[in-house]
Amino acid sequence: MPSPSPSTRPPEAPWLAGLRAARANLVPGLLVQAFMIGTVLAYFYTPSTREIFDTLADWKSRWGYAYSSVTAILAGAVVPELLRIFLFQKGRPNRKNLGNFLFAAAFWGYSGIQVDFFYRMQAVWFGSGAEFTTVLKKVLVDQFVYCPVIAAPMSVMLYDWRATGFRLASLPGFFTREFYLRSILPTLFANWGVWIPIVTALYSLPSLLQIPLFSLALSLWVILFAWMSDQRISRNARAS
């Protein structure tokens, strides 16, 4: 019996799509997670690193939301686009790279401020200590409330809207149950695989260090998220 055509195949289960994306980035994901955990251990057990951490905390304290926005732009727009140019385009930038950068800079610059505000609210709600129950509450609210309700829908909708050329006619399709299950839920599964260990490490650190080290992990997630977005758009184009 011939295999069904792309247009007649049943849609891939959301968790399978998310697991496939996470598996494709398993090695870099584990490396970043190991780095974040190692950073936390260094902070608590290696006094010689305290000067570096104190400097980062001082920058964050001095510049506030501006620091969060600029570092998110560097991590979410500059680094991924440079990697794209040098690894996949043989060092030859083109006009599309500029468009990618401008969109990513606007999106992640705002997201850096949003995450900073959310982290501050978490400290108000649950405290700024590193006790097990405090960290657990922050991780649960972060990954199972903030991400499903705000962060993941906003990211997927805006990246997919960009893929349509920002056509207003495409907007209603993003606010449906089917779109959430088909496009947002896979992103959540990949997000949980990468970020649960990372935010656990982040929330174990003092508040002023959480955003600086969040930015280091953000570059990986932007690369993973962009890959998922490209794959999803390609599948939709083949099915149409």
Protein backbone atom coordinates (compact mmCIF):
# COMPACT_ATOMS: atom_id res chain seq x y z
CA MET A 1 0.00 0.00 0.00
CA PRO A 2 1.49 3.40 -0.94
CA SER A 3 2.22 5.81 1.88
CA PRO A 4 -0.21 8.68 2.26
CA SER A 5 0.69 11.96 0.64
CA PRO A 6 1.76 14.86 2.87
CA SER A 7 -1.68 16.44 2.53
CA THR A 8 -3.46 13.29 3.74
CA ARG A 9 -1.08 12.20 6.51
CA PRO A 10 -2.46 12.72 10.01
CA PRO A 11 -0.82 15.64 11.78
CA GLU A 12 2.13 14.81 14.00
CA ALA A 13 1.32 14.62 17.71
CA PRO A 14 2.40 17.86 19.42
CA TRP A 15 4.57 16.08 21.98
CA LEU A 16 6.32 14.13 19.21
CA ALA A 17 7.13 17.34 17.33
CA GLY A 18 8.48 18.91 20.51
CA LEU A 19 10.52 15.83 21.39
CA ARG A 20 11.94 15.70 17.86
CA ALA A 21 13.11 19.32 18.11
CA ALA A 22 14.57 18.77 21.57
CA ARG A 23 16.31 15.56 20.44
CA ALA A 24 17.83 17.34 17.44
CA ASN A 25 19.42 19.82 19.86
CA LEU A 26 20.13 17.34 22.66
CA VAL A 27 23.90 17.78 22.76
CA PRO A 28 23.98 21.61 22.79
CA GLY A 29 21.06 21.57 25.23
CA LEU A 30 22.94 19.31 27.64
CA LEU A 31 26.07 21.43 27.27
CA VAL A 32 24.23 24.63 28.18
CA GLN A 33 22.46 22.90 31.08
CA ALA A 34 25.79 21.57 32.35
CA PHE A 35 27.30 25.03 32.02
CA MET A 36 24.46 26.62 34.00
CA ILE A 37 24.67 24.01 36.76
CA GLY A 38 28.45 24.42 36.83
CA THR A 39 27.99 28.18 37.12
CA VAL A 40 25.75 27.77 40.17
CA LEU A 41 28.27 25.42 41.78
CA ALA A 42 31.10 27.85 41.02
CA TYR A 43 29.17 30.70 42.63
CA PHE A 44 28.61 28.79 45.86
CA TYR A 45 31.83 26.79 46.11
CA THR A 46 34.58 28.68 44.23
CA PRO A 47 35.39 31.98 45.97
CA SER A 48 37.79 33.04 43.19
CA THR A 49 34.82 33.48 40.81
CA ARG A 50 32.96 35.89 43.07
CA GLU A 51 34.56 38.96 41.47
CA ILE A 52 33.07 38.03 38.08
CA PHE A 53 29.64 37.45 39.59
CA ASP A 54 29.84 40.68 41.58
CA THR A 55 30.66 42.60 38.39
CA LEU A 56 27.67 41.13 36.57
CA ALA A 57 25.40 41.88 39.51
CA ASP A 58 26.72 45.46 39.65
CA TRP A 59 25.99 46.00 35.95
CA LYS A 60 22.48 44.64 36.39
CA SER A 61 21.87 46.81 39.46
CA ARG A 62 23.18 49.93 37.71
CA TRP A 63 21.37 49.58 34.37
CA GLY A 64 18.20 47.69 35.36
CA TYR A 65 15.79 47.01 32.52
CA ALA A 66 18.16 48.52 29.94
CA TYR A 67 20.74 45.86 30.85
CA SER A 68 18.12 43.14 30.47
CA SER A 69 17.04 44.42 27.06
CA VAL A 70 20.55 44.89 25.63
CA THR A 71 21.83 41.50 26.82
CA ALA A 72 18.71 39.79 25.44
CA ILE A 73 19.33 41.45 22.05
CA LEU A 74 22.94 40.26 22.06
CA ALA A 75 21.94 36.72 23.05
CA GLY A 76 18.73 36.41 21.05
CA ALA A 77 19.50 38.41 17.90
CA VAL A 78 23.21 39.11 17.43
CA VAL A 79 24.74 35.76 18.38
CA PRO A 80 22.23 33.50 16.53
CA GLU A 81 22.40 35.58 13.35
CA LEU A 82 26.20 35.61 13.37
CA LEU A 83 26.17 31.84 13.81
CA ARG A 84 23.75 31.53 10.91
CA ILE A 85 26.03 33.63 8.69
CA PHE A 86 29.30 31.92 9.55
CA LEU A 87 28.09 28.33 9.94
CA PHE A 88 25.41 28.06 7.25
CA GLN A 89 26.12 30.90 4.80
CA LYS A 90 29.93 30.54 4.62
CA GLY A 91 30.41 34.03 6.02
CA ARG A 92 28.32 35.76 3.34
CA PRO A 93 25.61 37.99 4.87
CA ASN A 94 22.57 38.91 2.80
CA ARG A 95 19.52 41.14 3.03
CA LYS A 96 17.51 38.46 4.81
CA ASN A 97 20.01 38.47 7.68
CA LEU A 98 19.26 42.16 8.27
CA GLY A 99 15.52 41.47 8.37
CA ASN A 100 16.05 38.54 10.73
CA PHE A 101 18.20 40.68 13.01
CA LEU A 102 15.80 43.64 13.15
CA PHE A 103 12.85 41.40 13.98
CA ALA A 104 14.77 39.39 16.56
CA ALA A 105 16.27 42.52 18.14
CA ALA A 106 12.83 44.09 18.62
CA PHE A 107 11.28 40.87 19.89
CA TRP A 108 14.04 39.78 22.27
CA GLY A 109 14.74 43.32 23.45
CA TYR A 110 11.16 43.52 24.66
CA SER A 111 11.24 39.93 25.94
CA GLY A 112 14.31 40.70 28.05
CA ILE A 113 12.36 43.44 29.83
CA GLN A 114 9.36 41.16 30.23
CA VAL A 115 11.42 38.34 31.74
CA ASP A 116 13.17 40.79 34.07
CA PHE A 117 9.80 42.07 35.30
CA PHE A 118 8.52 38.51 35.75
CA TYR A 119 11.61 37.52 37.75
CA ARG A 120 11.13 40.56 39.98
CA MET A 121 7.51 39.59 40.57
CA GLN A 122 8.56 36.04 41.42
CA ALA A 123 10.88 37.47 44.09
CA VAL A 124 8.00 39.52 45.49
CA TRP A 125 5.59 36.56 45.49
CA PHE A 126 7.90 33.86 46.81
CA GLY A 127 10.98 35.62 48.19
CA SER A 128 14.54 35.88 46.91
CA GLY A 129 16.05 32.96 48.83
CA ALA A 130 17.40 29.74 47.37
CA GLU A 131 15.48 27.35 49.62
CA PHE A 132 14.12 24.24 47.91
CA THR A 133 10.45 25.24 48.27
CA THR A 134 11.11 28.77 47.01
CA VAL A 135 12.97 27.56 43.92
CA LEU A 136 10.33 24.88 43.26
CA LYS A 137 7.47 27.41 43.34
CA LYS A 138 9.30 29.71 40.95
CA VAL A 139 10.10 26.89 38.52
CA LEU A 140 6.51 25.64 38.50
CA VAL A 141 5.01 29.09 37.93
CA ASP A 142 7.64 29.90 35.30
CA GLN A 143 7.32 26.72 33.27
CA PHE A 144 3.67 25.77 33.74
CA VAL A 145 1.93 29.16 33.99
CA TYR A 146 4.05 31.93 32.47
CA CYS A 147 5.33 29.87 29.53
CA PRO A 148 2.04 28.22 28.41
CA VAL A 149 -0.03 31.38 28.90
CA ILE A 150 2.31 34.21 27.85
CA ALA A 151 5.84 33.39 26.64
CA ALA A 152 5.24 30.47 24.25
CA PRO A 153 2.07 31.85 22.58
CA MET A 154 3.67 35.27 22.10
CA SER A 155 6.84 33.78 20.60
CA VAL A 156 5.14 31.34 18.24
CA MET A 157 2.49 33.78 17.06
CA LEU A 158 4.95 36.55 16.28
CA TYR A 159 7.47 34.29 14.54
CA ASP A 160 4.70 32.67 12.47
CA TRP A 161 3.14 36.07 11.72
CA ARG A 162 6.52 37.25 10.44
CA ALA A 163 6.59 34.19 8.15
CA THR A 164 3.30 35.35 6.58
CA GLY A 165 4.75 38.79 5.84
CA PHE A 166 2.81 40.31 8.76
CA ARG A 167 -0.49 39.94 6.93
CA LEU A 168 -3.43 41.05 9.08
CA ALA A 169 -5.64 38.41 7.48
CA SER A 170 -3.56 35.66 9.09
CA LEU A 171 -4.01 36.90 12.65
CA PRO A 172 -7.38 35.25 13.48
CA GLY A 173 -5.91 31.80 12.76
CA PHE A 174 -3.42 32.21 15.58
CA PHE A 175 -6.10 32.50 18.27
CA THR A 176 -7.59 29.04 17.89
CA ARG A 177 -7.40 25.80 19.81
CA GLU A 178 -6.04 24.03 16.73
CA PHE A 179 -3.14 26.47 16.39
CA TYR A 180 -2.25 26.08 20.05
CA LEU A 181 -2.19 22.28 19.79
CA ARG A 182 -0.40 22.19 16.43
CA SER A 183 2.18 24.93 16.91
CA ILE A 184 2.45 26.18 20.50
CA LEU A 185 2.27 22.89 22.38
CA PRO A 186 5.28 21.35 20.56
CA THR A 187 7.25 24.46 21.47
CA LEU A 188 6.31 23.95 25.12
CA PHE A 189 7.59 20.35 25.13
CA ALA A 190 10.92 21.47 23.66
CA ASN A 191 10.98 24.41 26.07
CA TRP A 192 10.50 22.16 29.11
CA GLY A 193 13.28 19.84 27.98
CA VAL A 194 15.76 22.72 27.72
CA TRP A 195 14.63 25.23 30.32
CA ILE A 196 13.44 23.35 33.43
CA PRO A 197 17.02 22.49 34.50
CA ILE A 198 18.21 25.96 33.46
CA VAL A 199 15.61 27.98 35.39
CA THR A 200 16.15 25.72 38.40
CA ALA A 201 19.79 26.78 38.31
CA LEU A 202 18.87 30.43 37.73
CA TYR A 203 16.44 30.63 40.64
CA SER A 204 19.11 29.19 42.92
CA LEU A 205 21.19 32.34 42.37
CA PRO A 206 20.73 35.85 43.81
CA SER A 207 18.19 37.96 41.91
CA LEU A 208 20.79 40.31 40.39
CA LEU A 209 22.58 37.37 38.74
CA GLN A 210 19.51 35.67 37.26
CA ILE A 211 19.11 37.92 34.20
CA PRO A 212 22.84 38.03 33.27
CA LEU A 213 23.02 34.23 33.27
CA PHE A 214 19.60 33.89 31.64
CA SER A 215 21.08 35.73 28.65
CA LEU A 216 23.82 33.13 28.27
CA ALA A 217 21.25 30.34 27.94
CA LEU A 218 18.98 32.38 25.66
CA SER A 219 21.17 32.01 22.57
CA LEU A 220 20.63 28.23 22.50
CA TRP A 221 16.89 28.59 22.87
CA VAL A 222 16.65 31.12 20.03
CA ILE A 223 18.52 28.75 17.71
CA LEU A 224 16.27 25.85 18.76
CA PHE A 225 13.11 27.94 18.48
CA ALA A 226 14.05 29.29 15.04
CA TRP A 227 14.73 25.73 13.85
CA MET A 228 11.30 24.60 15.08
CA SER A 229 9.63 27.58 13.42
CA ASP A 230 11.33 26.88 10.08
CA GLN A 231 10.39 23.18 10.25
CA ARG A 232 6.75 23.96 11.12
CA ILE A 233 6.40 26.49 8.30
CA SER A 234 7.98 24.02 5.81
CA ARG A 235 5.53 21.27 6.84
CA ASN A 236 2.57 23.62 6.50
CA ALA A 237 3.77 24.70 3.04
CA ARG A 238 4.08 21.08 1.89
CA ALA A 239 0.63 20.23 3.23
CA SER A 240 -1.06 23.18 1.52
